């Protein structure tokens, strides 16, 4: 793991907030980041991953692994390169973490109605699936 990323994770041991904004993080780095947070047993409240290079693959990893962070209330992942598949996984986290706010602006989804359909699909709504998604 890059030292500058690890440094910000170490800071989170005191603050319970991981700030990784603008660190050029790639999909293949996400699992190491999550594992490092788990290893340090941080009661994660917030993770900011804005302005990185995260795509669907990284978003799927986040969606699969952030479910273990019961104290997480804020995920900011704005201005990355996440499309429909990744968005569905991320918003699916809200089924397990109902208090989670997700800030998603600036990714591949730009249409408001498409974003609403993604949220419906992520929550298992049949209405969302009837629209061809």
C-alpha atoms as a PDB file:
ATOM      1  CA  UNK A   1       0.000   0.000   0.000  1.00  0.00           C
ATOM      2  CA  UNK A   2       1.241   3.465  -0.819  1.00  0.00           C
ATOM      3  CA  UNK A   3       2.599   5.291   2.251  1.00  0.00           C
ATOM      4  CA  UNK A   4       0.361   8.341   1.755  1.00  0.00           C
ATOM      5  CA  UNK A   5      -2.752   6.141   1.823  1.00  0.00           C
ATOM      6  CA  UNK A   6      -1.570   4.280   4.901  1.00  0.00           C
ATOM      7  CA  UNK A   7      -0.839   7.588   6.630  1.00  0.00           C
ATOM      8  CA  UNK A   8      -4.459   8.689   6.183  1.00  0.00           C
ATOM      9  CA  UNK A   9      -5.731   5.352   7.472  1.00  0.00           C
ATOM     10  CA  UNK A  10      -3.547   5.715  10.579  1.00  0.00           C
ATOM     11  CA  UNK A  11      -5.061   9.178  11.160  1.00  0.00           C
ATOM     12  CA  UNK A  12      -8.495   7.518  11.021  1.00  0.00           C
ATOM     13  CA  UNK A  13      -7.620   5.504  14.124  1.00  0.00           C
ATOM     14  CA  UNK A  14      -8.189   8.764  16.058  1.00  0.00           C
ATOM     15  CA  UNK A  15     -10.979  10.300  13.994  1.00  0.00           C
ATOM     16  CA  UNK A  16     -12.923   7.263  12.670  1.00  0.00           C
ATOM     17  CA  UNK A  17     -12.934   9.063   9.316  1.00  0.00           C
ATOM     18  CA  UNK A  18     -10.825   7.992   6.351  1.00  0.00           C
ATOM     19  CA  UNK A  19     -10.012  10.812   3.934  1.00  0.00           C
ATOM     20  CA  UNK A  20      -8.592   9.535   0.647  1.00  0.00           C
ATOM     21  CA  UNK A  21      -9.739  12.362  -1.614  1.00  0.00           C
ATOM     22  CA  UNK A  22      -7.720  12.922  -4.777  1.00  0.00           C
ATOM     23  CA  UNK A  23      -5.131  10.199  -4.161  1.00  0.00           C
ATOM     24  CA  UNK A  24      -5.394   8.585  -7.632  1.00  0.00           C
ATOM     25  CA  UNK A  25      -6.715   5.374  -6.070  1.00  0.00           C
ATOM     26  CA  UNK A  26      -7.326   2.555  -8.530  1.00  0.00           C
ATOM     27  CA  UNK A  27      -9.766  -0.349  -8.318  1.00  0.00           C
ATOM     28  CA  UNK A  28      -6.982  -2.786  -7.473  1.00  0.00           C
ATOM     29  CA  UNK A  29      -6.076  -0.793  -4.341  1.00  0.00           C
ATOM     30  CA  UNK A  30      -9.543  -0.858  -2.763  1.00  0.00           C
ATOM     31  CA  UNK A  31      -9.337  -4.285  -1.123  1.00  0.00           C
ATOM     32  CA  UNK A  32      -5.983  -3.467   0.520  1.00  0.00           C
ATOM     33  CA  UNK A  33      -7.460  -0.237   1.862  1.00  0.00           C
ATOM     34  CA  UNK A  34     -10.486  -2.022   3.330  1.00  0.00           C
ATOM     35  CA  UNK A  35      -8.332  -4.772   4.823  1.00  0.00           C
ATOM     36  CA  UNK A  36      -6.054  -2.192   6.429  1.00  0.00           C
ATOM     37  CA  UNK A  37      -9.039  -0.436   8.013  1.00  0.00           C
ATOM     38  CA  UNK A  38     -10.344  -3.791   9.288  1.00  0.00           C
ATOM     39  CA  UNK A  39      -6.941  -4.777  10.651  1.00  0.00           C
ATOM     40  CA  UNK A  40      -6.690  -1.533  12.624  1.00  0.00           C
ATOM     41  CA  UNK A  41     -10.209  -2.153  13.963  1.00  0.00           C
ATOM     42  CA  UNK A  42     -11.332   1.375  13.144  1.00  0.00           C
ATOM     43  CA  UNK A  43     -14.964   2.127  14.012  1.00  0.00           C
ATOM     44  CA  UNK A  44     -15.370   3.737  10.640  1.00  0.00           C
ATOM     45  CA  UNK A  45     -17.968   6.521  10.481  1.00  0.00           C
ATOM     46  CA  UNK A  46     -16.992   8.099   7.184  1.00  0.00           C
ATOM     47  CA  UNK A  47     -14.888   7.260   4.150  1.00  0.00           C
ATOM     48  CA  UNK A  48     -14.183   9.856   1.468  1.00  0.00           C
ATOM     49  CA  UNK A  49     -12.960   8.516  -1.870  1.00  0.00           C
ATOM     50  CA  UNK A  50     -13.804  11.529  -4.042  1.00  0.00           C
ATOM     51  CA  UNK A  51     -11.728  12.462  -7.086  1.00  0.00           C
ATOM     52  CA  UNK A  52      -9.996   9.127  -7.594  1.00  0.00           C
ATOM     53  CA  UNK A  53      -9.946   6.612 -10.446  1.00  0.00           C
ATOM     54  CA  UNK A  54     -12.420   4.115  -9.041  1.00  0.00           C
ATOM     55  CA  UNK A  55     -14.627   2.287 -11.516  1.00  0.00           C
ATOM     56  CA  UNK A  56     -17.220  -0.455 -11.294  1.00  0.00           C
ATOM     57  CA  UNK A  57     -14.710  -3.062 -10.120  1.00  0.00           C
ATOM     58  CA  UNK A  58     -13.663  -0.942  -7.125  1.00  0.00           C
ATOM     59  CA  UNK A  59     -17.275  -0.028  -6.347  1.00  0.00           C
ATOM     60  CA  UNK A  60     -18.232  -3.711  -6.341  1.00  0.00           C
ATOM     61  CA  UNK A  61     -15.411  -4.479  -3.902  1.00  0.00           C
ATOM     62  CA  UNK A  62     -16.618  -1.635  -1.669  1.00  0.00           C
ATOM     63  CA  UNK A  63     -20.186  -2.923  -1.886  1.00  0.00           C
ATOM     64  CA  UNK A  64     -19.084  -6.406  -0.873  1.00  0.00           C
ATOM     65  CA  UNK A  65     -16.797  -5.429   2.001  1.00  0.00           C
ATOM     66  CA  UNK A  66     -18.193  -2.281   3.604  1.00  0.00           C
ATOM     67  CA  UNK A  67     -21.142  -4.264   4.978  1.00  0.00           C
ATOM     68  CA  UNK A  68     -18.898  -5.221   7.916  1.00  0.00           C
ATOM     69  CA  UNK A  69     -18.598  -1.607   9.075  1.00  0.00           C
ATOM     70  CA  UNK A  70     -21.757  -1.234  11.181  1.00  0.00           C
ATOM     71  CA  UNK A  71     -20.808   2.295  12.290  1.00  0.00           C
ATOM     72  CA  UNK A  72     -20.415   3.645   8.729  1.00  0.00           C
ATOM     73  CA  UNK A  73     -22.827   6.516   8.082  1.00  0.00           C
ATOM     74  CA  UNK A  74     -21.170   8.341   5.173  1.00  0.00           C
ATOM     75  CA  UNK A  75     -19.591   7.172   1.920  1.00  0.00           C
ATOM     76  CA  UNK A  76     -18.472   9.909  -0.417  1.00  0.00           C
ATOM     77  CA  UNK A  77     -17.352   8.562  -3.768  1.00  0.00           C
ATOM     78  CA  UNK A  78     -17.951  11.537  -6.035  1.00  0.00           C
ATOM     79  CA  UNK A  79     -16.053  12.260  -9.237  1.00  0.00           C
ATOM     80  CA  UNK A  80     -14.840   8.772 -10.021  1.00  0.00           C
ATOM     81  CA  UNK A  81     -15.683   6.547 -12.994  1.00  0.00           C
ATOM     82  CA  UNK A  82     -18.458   4.359 -11.585  1.00  0.00           C
ATOM     83  CA  UNK A  83     -21.230   3.143 -13.853  1.00  0.00           C
ATOM     84  CA  UNK A  84     -24.501   1.314 -13.363  1.00  0.00           C
ATOM     85  CA  UNK A  85     -23.132  -2.009 -12.084  1.00  0.00           C
ATOM     86  CA  UNK A  86     -20.952  -0.370  -9.448  1.00  0.00           C
ATOM     87  CA  UNK A  87     -23.691   2.050  -8.432  1.00  0.00           C
ATOM     88  CA  UNK A  88     -26.119  -0.808  -7.828  1.00  0.00           C
ATOM     89  CA  UNK A  89     -23.604  -2.509  -5.529  1.00  0.00           C
ATOM     90  CA  UNK A  90     -22.888   0.689  -3.601  1.00  0.00           C
ATOM     91  CA  UNK A  91     -26.512   1.642  -3.084  1.00  0.00           C
ATOM     92  CA  UNK A  92     -27.226  -1.962  -2.091  1.00  0.00           C
ATOM     93  CA  UNK A  93     -25.188  -1.212   1.034  1.00  0.00           C
ATOM     94  CA  UNK A  94     -28.158   0.766   2.328  1.00  0.00           C
ATOM     95  CA  UNK A  95     -30.090  -2.474   2.823  1.00  0.00           C
ATOM     96  CA  UNK A  96     -27.498  -3.563   5.396  1.00  0.00           C
ATOM     97  CA  UNK A  97     -26.523  -0.078   6.609  1.00  0.00           C
ATOM     98  CA  UNK A  98     -29.799   1.897   6.573  1.00  0.00           C
ATOM     99  CA  UNK A  99     -28.206   5.037   8.073  1.00  0.00           C
ATOM    100  CA  UNK A 100     -25.596   5.227   5.297  1.00  0.00           C
ATOM    101  CA  UNK A 101     -25.561   8.388   3.195  1.00  0.00           C
ATOM    102  CA  UNK A 102     -23.889   7.926  -0.188  1.00  0.00           C
ATOM    103  CA  UNK A 103     -22.577  10.919  -2.120  1.00  0.00           C
ATOM    104  CA  UNK A 104     -22.285   9.814  -5.748  1.00  0.00           C
ATOM    105  CA  UNK A 105     -22.291  12.961  -7.929  1.00  0.00           C
ATOM    106  CA  UNK A 106     -19.828  13.155 -10.813  1.00  0.00           C
ATOM    107  CA  UNK A 107     -19.723   9.510 -11.871  1.00  0.00           C
ATOM    108  CA  UNK A 108     -21.011   7.943 -15.101  1.00  0.00           C
ATOM    109  CA  UNK A 109     -24.679   8.172 -14.086  1.00  0.00           C
ATOM    110  CA  UNK A 110     -25.893  11.646 -15.055  1.00  0.00           C
ATOM    111  CA  UNK A 111     -29.603  11.073 -15.622  1.00  0.00           C
ATOM    112  CA  UNK A 112     -31.709  11.564 -12.478  1.00  0.00           C
ATOM    113  CA  UNK A 113     -34.341   9.000 -13.488  1.00  0.00           C
ATOM    114  CA  UNK A 114     -31.639   6.422 -14.225  1.00  0.00           C
ATOM    115  CA  UNK A 115     -30.180   7.075 -10.766  1.00  0.00           C
ATOM    116  CA  UNK A 116     -33.606   6.541  -9.193  1.00  0.00           C
ATOM    117  CA  UNK A 117     -33.951   3.227 -11.060  1.00  0.00           C
ATOM    118  CA  UNK A 118     -30.501   2.166  -9.851  1.00  0.00           C
ATOM    119  CA  UNK A 119     -31.535   2.885  -6.259  1.00  0.00           C
ATOM    120  CA  UNK A 120     -34.729   0.853  -6.719  1.00  0.00           C
ATOM    121  CA  UNK A 121     -32.790  -2.081  -8.162  1.00  0.00           C
ATOM    122  CA  UNK A 122     -30.235  -1.878  -5.345  1.00  0.00           C
ATOM    123  CA  UNK A 123     -33.033  -2.072  -2.782  1.00  0.00           C
ATOM    124  CA  UNK A 124     -34.666  -5.009  -4.577  1.00  0.00           C
ATOM    125  CA  UNK A 125     -37.699  -3.062  -5.753  1.00  0.00           C
ATOM    126  CA  UNK A 126     -39.701  -4.914  -8.404  1.00  0.00           C
ATOM    127  CA  UNK A 127     -40.788  -1.532  -9.825  1.00  0.00           C
ATOM    128  CA  UNK A 128     -37.201  -0.754 -10.769  1.00  0.00           C
ATOM    129  CA  UNK A 129     -36.759  -4.102 -12.426  1.00  0.00           C
ATOM    130  CA  UNK A 130     -39.930  -3.737 -14.514  1.00  0.00           C
ATOM    131  CA  UNK A 131     -38.361  -0.851 -16.400  1.00  0.00           C
ATOM    132  CA  UNK A 132     -35.870  -3.102 -18.122  1.00  0.00           C
ATOM    133  CA  UNK A 133     -33.089  -2.989 -15.584  1.00  0.00           C
END
